[in-house]
């Protein structure tokens, strides 16, 4: 999955696969997480936000299943 670098104090890059509705987030510490069943509009909203980390914490982290993949 292609990830795009973002300006964030906690997140290094973000990627999204529309076919599987998977959001992939790489943190600055090198850890990599995939969040499942995330609608594309949530990815679009996250990418438009000034604070990606705040959006992730408020709307995605506890709302969608996820796993650490790296």
PDB file of N, CA and C in Angstrom:
ATOM      1  N   UNK A   1       0.840  -1.180   0.000  1.00  0.00           N
ATOM      2  CA  UNK A   1       0.000   0.000   0.000  1.00  0.00           C
ATOM      3  C   UNK A   1       0.887   1.246   0.000  1.00  0.00           C
ATOM      4  N   UNK A   2       0.564   2.167  -0.836  1.00  0.00           N
ATOM      5  CA  UNK A   2       1.322   3.419  -0.909  1.00  0.00           C
ATOM      6  C   UNK A   2       0.909   4.330   0.242  1.00  0.00           C
ATOM      7  N   UNK A   3       1.905   4.841   0.971  1.00  0.00           N
ATOM      8  CA  UNK A   3       1.642   5.792   2.042  1.00  0.00           C
ATOM      9  C   UNK A   3       2.214   7.145   1.652  1.00  0.00           C
ATOM     10  N   UNK A   4       1.591   8.185   2.179  1.00  0.00           N
ATOM     11  CA  UNK A   4       2.014   9.553   1.897  1.00  0.00           C
ATOM     12  C   UNK A   4       2.490  10.210   3.177  1.00  0.00           C
ATOM     13  N   UNK A   5       3.641  10.857   3.105  1.00  0.00           N
ATOM     14  CA  UNK A   5       4.180  11.572   4.255  1.00  0.00           C
ATOM     15  C   UNK A   5       3.217  12.680   4.655  1.00  0.00           C
ATOM     16  N   UNK A   6       3.071  12.854   5.964  1.00  0.00           N
ATOM     17  CA  UNK A   6       2.205  13.902   6.488  1.00  0.00           C
ATOM     18  C   UNK A   6       2.984  14.732   7.502  1.00  0.00           C
ATOM     19  N   UNK A   7       2.514  15.949   7.701  1.00  0.00           N
ATOM     20  CA  UNK A   7       3.108  16.828   8.701  1.00  0.00           C
ATOM     21  C   UNK A   7       2.388  16.582  10.015  1.00  0.00           C
ATOM     22  N   UNK A   8       3.071  15.930  10.939  1.00  0.00           N
ATOM     23  CA  UNK A   8       2.458  15.562  12.209  1.00  0.00           C
ATOM     24  C   UNK A   8       3.542  15.375  13.255  1.00  0.00           C
ATOM     25  N   UNK A   9       3.208  15.624  14.501  1.00  0.00           N
ATOM     26  CA  UNK A   9       4.173  15.422  15.578  1.00  0.00           C
ATOM     27  C   UNK A   9       4.253  13.965  16.003  1.00  0.00           C
ATOM     28  N   UNK A  10       3.345  13.109  15.491  1.00  0.00           N
ATOM     29  CA  UNK A  10       3.305  11.718  15.904  1.00  0.00           C
ATOM     30  C   UNK A  10       3.237  10.730  14.740  1.00  0.00           C
ATOM     31  N   UNK A  11       2.732  11.166  13.585  1.00  0.00           N
ATOM     32  CA  UNK A  11       2.498  10.288  12.440  1.00  0.00           C
ATOM     33  C   UNK A  11       3.459  10.625  11.307  1.00  0.00           C
ATOM     34  N   UNK A  12       4.108   9.597  10.756  1.00  0.00           N
ATOM     35  CA  UNK A  12       5.058   9.802   9.653  1.00  0.00           C
ATOM     36  C   UNK A  12       4.363   9.753   8.296  1.00  0.00           C
ATOM     37  N   UNK A  13       3.465   8.760   8.110  1.00  0.00           N
ATOM     38  CA  UNK A  13       2.803   8.611   6.815  1.00  0.00           C
ATOM     39  C   UNK A  13       1.459   7.911   6.978  1.00  0.00           C
ATOM     40  N   UNK A  14       0.605   8.103   5.966  1.00  0.00           N
ATOM     41  CA  UNK A  14      -0.744   7.531   5.972  1.00  0.00           C
ATOM     42  C   UNK A  14      -1.037   6.990   4.578  1.00  0.00           C
ATOM     43  N   UNK A  15      -1.643   5.810   4.531  1.00  0.00           N
ATOM     44  CA  UNK A  15      -2.061   5.227   3.262  1.00  0.00           C
ATOM     45  C   UNK A  15      -3.469   4.687   3.382  1.00  0.00           C
ATOM     46  N   UNK A  16      -4.105   4.456   2.233  1.00  0.00           N
ATOM     47  CA  UNK A  16      -5.475   3.936   2.241  1.00  0.00           C
ATOM     48  C   UNK A  16      -5.702   3.056   1.031  1.00  0.00           C
ATOM     49  N   UNK A  17      -6.344   1.909   1.263  1.00  0.00           N
ATOM     50  CA  UNK A  17      -6.743   1.014   0.179  1.00  0.00           C
ATOM     51  C   UNK A  17      -8.261   0.971   0.144  1.00  0.00           C
ATOM     52  N   UNK A  18      -8.848   1.584  -0.884  1.00  0.00           N
ATOM     53  CA  UNK A  18     -10.301   1.694  -0.978  1.00  0.00           C
ATOM     54  C   UNK A  18     -10.979   0.333  -1.149  1.00  0.00           C
ATOM     55  N   UNK A  19     -10.349  -0.573  -1.869  1.00  0.00           N
ATOM     56  CA  UNK A  19     -10.963  -1.880  -2.131  1.00  0.00           C
ATOM     57  C   UNK A  19     -11.208  -2.661  -0.839  1.00  0.00           C
ATOM     58  N   UNK A  20     -10.271  -2.586   0.100  1.00  0.00           N
ATOM     59  CA  UNK A  20     -10.416  -3.315   1.363  1.00  0.00           C
ATOM     60  C   UNK A  20     -10.806  -2.405   2.524  1.00  0.00           C
ATOM     61  N   UNK A  21     -10.960  -1.106   2.250  1.00  0.00           N
ATOM     62  CA  UNK A  21     -11.257  -0.109   3.284  1.00  0.00           C
ATOM     63  C   UNK A  21     -10.264  -0.194   4.445  1.00  0.00           C
ATOM     64  N   UNK A  22      -8.984  -0.272   4.089  1.00  0.00           N
ATOM     65  CA  UNK A  22      -7.917  -0.362   5.090  1.00  0.00           C
ATOM     66  C   UNK A  22      -7.126   0.927   5.124  1.00  0.00           C
ATOM     67  N   UNK A  23      -7.031   1.491   6.318  1.00  0.00           N
ATOM     68  CA  UNK A  23      -6.229   2.688   6.567  1.00  0.00           C
ATOM     69  C   UNK A  23      -4.937   2.243   7.223  1.00  0.00           C
ATOM     70  N   UNK A  24      -3.812   2.673   6.676  1.00  0.00           N
ATOM     71  CA  UNK A  24      -2.508   2.278   7.216  1.00  0.00           C
ATOM     72  C   UNK A  24      -1.805   3.524   7.737  1.00  0.00           C
ATOM     73  N   UNK A  25      -1.328   3.442   8.978  1.00  0.00           N
ATOM     74  CA  UNK A  25      -0.689   4.585   9.618  1.00  0.00           C
ATOM     75  C   UNK A  25       0.686   4.175  10.134  1.00  0.00           C
ATOM     76  N   UNK A  26       1.693   4.896   9.689  1.00  0.00           N
ATOM     77  CA  UNK A  26       3.055   4.697  10.183  1.00  0.00           C
ATOM     78  C   UNK A  26       3.365   5.835  11.144  1.00  0.00           C
ATOM     79  N   UNK A  27       3.768   5.467  12.354  1.00  0.00           N
ATOM     80  CA  UNK A  27       4.099   6.463  13.364  1.00  0.00           C
ATOM     81  C   UNK A  27       5.583   6.795  13.316  1.00  0.00           C
ATOM     82  N   UNK A  28       5.942   7.917  13.892  1.00  0.00           N
ATOM     83  CA  UNK A  28       7.335   8.368  13.857  1.00  0.00           C
ATOM     84  C   UNK A  28       8.278   7.397  14.558  1.00  0.00           C
ATOM     85  N   UNK A  29       7.761   6.595  15.495  1.00  0.00           N
ATOM     86  CA  UNK A  29       8.615   5.619  16.176  1.00  0.00           C
ATOM     87  C   UNK A  29       8.859   4.370  15.335  1.00  0.00           C
ATOM     88  N   UNK A  30       8.282   4.345  14.111  1.00  0.00           N
ATOM     89  CA  UNK A  30       8.490   3.220  13.206  1.00  0.00           C
ATOM     90  C   UNK A  30       7.394   2.175  13.247  1.00  0.00           C
ATOM     91  N   UNK A  31       6.491   2.248  14.220  1.00  0.00           N
ATOM     92  CA  UNK A  31       5.408   1.269  14.288  1.00  0.00           C
ATOM     93  C   UNK A  31       4.408   1.518  13.161  1.00  0.00           C
ATOM     94  N   UNK A  32       3.767   0.443  12.720  1.00  0.00           N
ATOM     95  CA  UNK A  32       2.850   0.497  11.586  1.00  0.00           C
ATOM     96  C   UNK A  32       1.556  -0.209  11.972  1.00  0.00           C
ATOM     97  N   UNK A  33       0.435   0.474  11.795  1.00  0.00           N
ATOM     98  CA  UNK A  33      -0.872  -0.072  12.144  1.00  0.00           C
ATOM     99  C   UNK A  33      -1.800  -0.021  10.951  1.00  0.00           C
ATOM    100  N   UNK A  34      -2.675  -1.028  10.875  1.00  0.00           N
ATOM    101  CA  UNK A  34      -3.732  -1.031   9.877  1.00  0.00           C
ATOM    102  C   UNK A  34      -5.073  -1.013  10.604  1.00  0.00           C
ATOM    103  N   UNK A  35      -5.943  -0.113  10.152  1.00  0.00           N
ATOM    104  CA  UNK A  35      -7.294   0.031  10.688  1.00  0.00           C
ATOM    105  C   UNK A  35      -8.246  -0.455   9.605  1.00  0.00           C
ATOM    106  N   UNK A  36      -9.201  -1.319   9.983  1.00  0.00           N
ATOM    107  CA  UNK A  36     -10.038  -2.016   9.013  1.00  0.00           C
ATOM    108  C   UNK A  36     -11.466  -1.461   8.968  1.00  0.00           C
ATOM    109  N   UNK A  37     -12.086  -1.601   7.794  1.00  0.00           N
ATOM    110  CA  UNK A  37     -13.478  -1.175   7.570  1.00  0.00           C
ATOM    111  C   UNK A  37     -13.651   0.331   7.716  1.00  0.00           C
ATOM    112  N   UNK A  38     -12.609   1.082   7.396  1.00  0.00           N
ATOM    113  CA  UNK A  38     -12.652   2.541   7.481  1.00  0.00           C
ATOM    114  C   UNK A  38     -13.187   3.088   6.150  1.00  0.00           C
ATOM    115  N   UNK A  39     -14.313   3.791   6.180  1.00  0.00           N
ATOM    116  CA  UNK A  39     -14.847   4.350   4.934  1.00  0.00           C
ATOM    117  C   UNK A  39     -13.895   5.376   4.319  1.00  0.00           C
ATOM    118  N   UNK A  40     -13.933   5.469   3.011  1.00  0.00           N
ATOM    119  CA  UNK A  40     -13.021   6.378   2.313  1.00  0.00           C
ATOM    120  C   UNK A  40     -13.204   7.833   2.749  1.00  0.00           C
ATOM    121  N   UNK A  41     -14.439   8.207   3.089  1.00  0.00           N
ATOM    122  CA  UNK A  41     -14.649   9.591   3.524  1.00  0.00           C
ATOM    123  C   UNK A  41     -13.934   9.894   4.837  1.00  0.00           C
ATOM    124  N   UNK A  42     -13.715   8.879   5.681  1.00  0.00           N
ATOM    125  CA  UNK A  42     -12.961   9.097   6.926  1.00  0.00           C
ATOM    126  C   UNK A  42     -11.478   9.337   6.604  1.00  0.00           C
ATOM    127  N   UNK A  43     -10.959   8.604   5.634  1.00  0.00           N
ATOM    128  CA  UNK A  43      -9.581   8.839   5.195  1.00  0.00           C
ATOM    129  C   UNK A  43      -9.455  10.256   4.633  1.00  0.00           C
ATOM    130  N   UNK A  44     -10.405  10.647   3.782  1.00  0.00           N
ATOM    131  CA  UNK A  44     -10.380  11.988   3.202  1.00  0.00           C
ATOM    132  C   UNK A  44     -10.436  13.058   4.283  1.00  0.00           C
ATOM    133  N   UNK A  45     -11.287  12.848   5.279  1.00  0.00           N
ATOM    134  CA  UNK A  45     -11.397  13.811   6.379  1.00  0.00           C
ATOM    135  C   UNK A  45     -10.092  13.894   7.166  1.00  0.00           C
ATOM    136  N   UNK A  46      -9.477  12.738   7.417  1.00  0.00           N
ATOM    137  CA  UNK A  46      -8.220  12.727   8.165  1.00  0.00           C
ATOM    138  C   UNK A  46      -7.136  13.496   7.420  1.00  0.00           C
ATOM    139  N   UNK A  47      -7.057  13.259   6.106  1.00  0.00           N
ATOM    140  CA  UNK A  47      -6.018  13.916   5.322  1.00  0.00           C
ATOM    141  C   UNK A  47      -6.239  15.421   5.218  1.00  0.00           C
ATOM    142  N   UNK A  48      -7.475  15.868   5.385  1.00  0.00           N
ATOM    143  CA  UNK A  48      -7.784  17.290   5.316  1.00  0.00           C
ATOM    144  C   UNK A  48      -7.578  17.999   6.656  1.00  0.00           C
ATOM    145  N   UNK A  49      -7.478  17.236   7.720  1.00  0.00           N
ATOM    146  CA  UNK A  49      -7.333  17.815   9.058  1.00  0.00           C
ATOM    147  C   UNK A  49      -5.936  18.383   9.280  1.00  0.00           C
ATOM    148  N   UNK A  50      -5.874  19.433  10.071  1.00  0.00           N
ATOM    149  CA  UNK A  50      -4.586  20.005  10.447  1.00  0.00           C
ATOM    150  C   UNK A  50      -3.818  19.084  11.379  1.00  0.00           C
ATOM    151  N   UNK A  51      -4.533  18.425  12.299  1.00  0.00           N
ATOM    152  CA  UNK A  51      -3.898  17.502  13.237  1.00  0.00           C
ATOM    153  C   UNK A  51      -4.341  16.077  12.937  1.00  0.00           C
ATOM    154  N   UNK A  52      -3.487  15.355  12.233  1.00  0.00           N
ATOM    155  CA  UNK A  52      -3.800  13.969  11.863  1.00  0.00           C
ATOM    156  C   UNK A  52      -3.911  13.084  13.101  1.00  0.00           C
ATOM    157  N   UNK A  53      -3.006  13.289  14.059  1.00  0.00           N
ATOM    158  CA  UNK A  53      -3.001  12.476  15.277  1.00  0.00           C
ATOM    159  C   UNK A  53      -4.249  12.686  16.104  1.00  0.00           C
ATOM    160  N   UNK A  54      -4.689  13.917  16.229  1.00  0.00           N
ATOM    161  CA  UNK A  54      -5.911  14.216  16.989  1.00  0.00           C
ATOM    162  C   UNK A  54      -7.125  13.574  16.319  1.00  0.00           C
ATOM    163  N   UNK A  55      -7.193  13.655  14.986  1.00  0.00           N
ATOM    164  CA  UNK A  55      -8.301  13.043  14.254  1.00  0.00           C
ATOM    165  C   UNK A  55      -8.282  11.525  14.432  1.00  0.00           C
ATOM    166  N   UNK A  56      -7.108  10.920  14.301  1.00  0.00           N
ATOM    167  CA  UNK A  56      -6.973   9.471  14.467  1.00  0.00           C
ATOM    168  C   UNK A  56      -7.476   9.050  15.841  1.00  0.00           C
ATOM    169  N   UNK A  57      -7.054   9.763  16.860  1.00  0.00           N
ATOM    170  CA  UNK A  57      -7.442   9.425  18.232  1.00  0.00           C
ATOM    171  C   UNK A  57      -8.945   9.622  18.457  1.00  0.00           C
ATOM    172  N   UNK A  58      -9.508  10.698  17.919  1.00  0.00           N
ATOM    173  CA  UNK A  58     -10.905  11.028  18.176  1.00  0.00           C
ATOM    174  C   UNK A  58     -11.901  10.194  17.375  1.00  0.00           C
ATOM    175  N   UNK A  59     -11.566   9.857  16.123  1.00  0.00           N
ATOM    176  CA  UNK A  59     -12.559   9.262  15.235  1.00  0.00           C
ATOM    177  C   UNK A  59     -12.250   7.859  14.723  1.00  0.00           C
ATOM    178  N   UNK A  60     -11.008   7.415  14.837  1.00  0.00           N
ATOM    179  CA  UNK A  60     -10.654   6.137  14.216  1.00  0.00           C
ATOM    180  C   UNK A  60     -10.168   5.106  15.227  1.00  0.00           C
ATOM    181  N   UNK A  61      -9.275   5.501  16.112  1.00  0.00           N
ATOM    182  CA  UNK A  61      -8.584   4.557  16.985  1.00  0.00           C
ATOM    183  C   UNK A  61      -9.529   3.627  17.754  1.00  0.00           C
ATOM    184  N   UNK A  62     -10.578   4.161  18.353  1.00  0.00           N
ATOM    185  CA  UNK A  62     -11.484   3.325  19.152  1.00  0.00           C
ATOM    186  C   UNK A  62     -12.761   2.949  18.422  1.00  0.00           C
ATOM    187  N   UNK A  63     -12.870   3.333  17.148  1.00  0.00           N
ATOM    188  CA  UNK A  63     -14.091   3.076  16.394  1.00  0.00           C
ATOM    189  C   UNK A  63     -13.954   1.932  15.398  1.00  0.00           C
ATOM    190  N   UNK A  64     -12.725   1.579  15.021  1.00  0.00           N
ATOM    191  CA  UNK A  64     -12.513   0.561  13.994  1.00  0.00           C
ATOM    192  C   UNK A  64     -11.512  -0.477  14.498  1.00  0.00           C
ATOM    193  N   UNK A  65     -11.687  -1.734  14.076  1.00  0.00           N
ATOM    194  CA  UNK A  65     -10.703  -2.755  14.462  1.00  0.00           C
ATOM    195  C   UNK A  65      -9.349  -2.451  13.818  1.00  0.00           C
ATOM    196  N   UNK A  66      -8.291  -2.830  14.503  1.00  0.00           N
ATOM    197  CA  UNK A  66      -6.964  -2.552  13.979  1.00  0.00           C
ATOM    198  C   UNK A  66      -5.976  -3.614  14.447  1.00  0.00           C
ATOM    199  N   UNK A  67      -4.825  -3.634  13.810  1.00  0.00           N
ATOM    200  CA  UNK A  67      -3.742  -4.498  14.266  1.00  0.00           C
ATOM    201  C   UNK A  67      -2.416  -3.849  13.939  1.00  0.00           C
ATOM    202  N   UNK A  68      -1.434  -4.152  14.740  1.00  0.00           N
ATOM    203  CA  UNK A  68      -0.076  -3.683  14.480  1.00  0.00           C
ATOM    204  C   UNK A  68       0.530  -4.643  13.470  1.00  0.00           C
ATOM    205  N   UNK A  69       1.059  -4.079  12.385  1.00  0.00           N
ATOM    206  CA  UNK A  69       1.615  -4.918  11.329  1.00  0.00           C
ATOM    207  C   UNK A  69       3.106  -4.682  11.140  1.00  0.00           C
ATOM    208  N   UNK A  70       3.659  -3.783  11.903  1.00  0.00           N
ATOM    209  CA  UNK A  70       5.091  -3.514  11.768  1.00  0.00           C
ATOM    210  C   UNK A  70       5.617  -2.706  12.915  1.00  0.00           C
TER     211      UNK A  70
END
